[in-house]
Amino acid sequence: MVTLSFTPNLLRHVQVSTVQLEGGNVHEVLERYFQINPQVRSYVLDDQGAVRKHVAIFLNQEMIRDRIRLSDAVSENDDIFIAQALSGG
């Protein structure tokens, strides 16, 4: 199973928790999570299903390559971490 976790600052907007899910790629894992917690979808994905510009998704501590289709393959015991990118000065 893949471990999916979120940055704690997302808790200001929506309830999230670390879970273990099955899936063959990032898209499948996220879709399973959105079935459990549909409110999170709009914070992570835009209207076309791509990763929002202010969101970063890491697979085993490396940013995913495919931010549009989320096709990066996952294996058992992988970790997906979702963070909000911060900007400003």
Protein backbone atom coordinates (compact mmCIF):
# COMPACT_ATOMS: atom_id res chain seq x y z
CA MET A 1 0.00 0.00 0.00
CA VAL A 2 1.02 3.60 -0.64
CA THR A 3 1.12 6.06 2.25
CA LEU A 4 -0.55 9.38 1.43
CA SER A 5 0.03 12.33 3.75
CA PHE A 6 -0.55 16.07 3.68
CA THR A 7 1.12 19.19 4.95
CA PRO A 8 -0.34 20.22 8.32
CA ASN A 9 -1.11 23.77 7.11
CA LEU A 10 -3.86 22.34 4.88
CA LEU A 11 -5.80 21.67 8.10
CA ARG A 12 -6.70 25.38 8.18
CA HIS A 13 -8.98 24.74 5.21
CA VAL A 14 -10.07 21.09 5.30
CA GLN A 15 -9.67 18.00 7.45
CA VAL A 16 -6.93 15.68 6.13
CA SER A 17 -5.29 12.59 7.53
CA THR A 18 -2.51 10.20 6.62
CA VAL A 19 -3.84 7.03 5.03
CA GLN A 20 -2.62 3.94 3.24
CA LEU A 21 -4.23 3.23 -0.12
CA GLU A 22 -3.73 1.03 -3.16
CA GLY A 23 -3.14 2.28 -6.68
CA GLY A 24 -0.85 1.90 -9.67
CA ASN A 25 -0.14 5.60 -10.12
CA VAL A 26 -0.59 8.91 -8.32
CA HIS A 27 -3.96 9.53 -9.99
CA GLU A 28 -5.43 6.23 -8.76
CA VAL A 29 -4.23 6.81 -5.20
CA LEU A 30 -5.65 10.34 -5.11
CA GLU A 31 -8.98 9.24 -6.57
CA ARG A 32 -9.33 6.63 -3.83
CA TYR A 33 -8.60 9.31 -1.22
CA PHE A 34 -11.11 11.71 -2.78
CA GLN A 35 -13.77 9.00 -2.50
CA ILE A 36 -13.13 8.97 1.26
CA ASN A 37 -12.67 12.74 1.63
CA PRO A 38 -14.15 14.58 -1.40
CA GLN A 39 -13.65 18.07 0.09
CA VAL A 40 -9.88 17.78 -0.42
CA ARG A 41 -10.13 17.46 -4.23
CA SER A 42 -10.67 21.19 -4.84
CA TYR A 43 -7.63 22.09 -2.71
CA VAL A 44 -5.34 19.74 -4.64
CA LEU A 45 -6.70 19.67 -8.22
CA ASP A 46 -8.06 22.35 -10.53
CA ASP A 47 -11.25 22.10 -12.61
CA GLN A 48 -9.45 20.08 -15.30
CA GLY A 49 -8.04 17.56 -12.80
CA ALA A 50 -4.46 18.85 -12.91
CA VAL A 51 -2.45 19.75 -9.81
CA ARG A 52 -3.12 23.33 -8.74
CA LYS A 53 -0.21 25.73 -9.26
CA HIS A 54 0.20 26.35 -5.54
CA VAL A 55 0.31 22.61 -4.70
CA ALA A 56 3.35 20.34 -4.82
CA ILE A 57 3.06 16.56 -4.82
CA PHE A 58 6.09 14.51 -3.86
CA LEU A 59 6.58 10.81 -4.53
CA ASN A 60 9.29 9.42 -2.27
CA GLN A 61 10.58 12.95 -1.62
CA GLU A 62 10.83 13.85 -5.32
CA MET A 63 8.34 16.11 -7.07
CA ILE A 64 6.07 14.19 -9.44
CA ARG A 65 6.76 14.65 -13.14
CA ASP A 66 3.22 14.56 -14.51
CA ARG A 67 1.16 17.34 -12.92
CA ILE A 68 -1.62 17.02 -15.51
CA ARG A 69 -2.52 13.32 -15.75
CA LEU A 70 -0.81 12.27 -12.47
CA SER A 71 0.51 9.19 -14.25
CA ASP A 72 3.68 8.76 -12.15
CA ALA A 73 3.78 5.07 -11.22
CA VAL A 74 3.70 4.05 -7.58
CA SER A 75 4.79 0.84 -5.91
CA GLU A 76 3.97 -0.80 -2.64
CA ASN A 77 5.54 1.05 0.32
CA ASP A 78 5.89 4.33 -1.63
CA ASP A 79 5.10 7.65 0.04
CA ILE A 80 3.08 10.48 -1.49
CA PHE A 81 3.22 13.84 0.27
CA ILE A 82 1.04 16.81 -0.71
CA ALA A 83 2.17 20.32 0.23
CA GLN A 84 0.97 23.82 -0.48
CA ALA A 85 3.71 25.83 -2.11
CA LEU A 86 4.31 29.08 -0.25
CA SER A 87 5.34 32.33 -1.89
CA GLY A 88 5.81 35.91 -0.92
CA GLY A 89 8.52 38.01 0.46
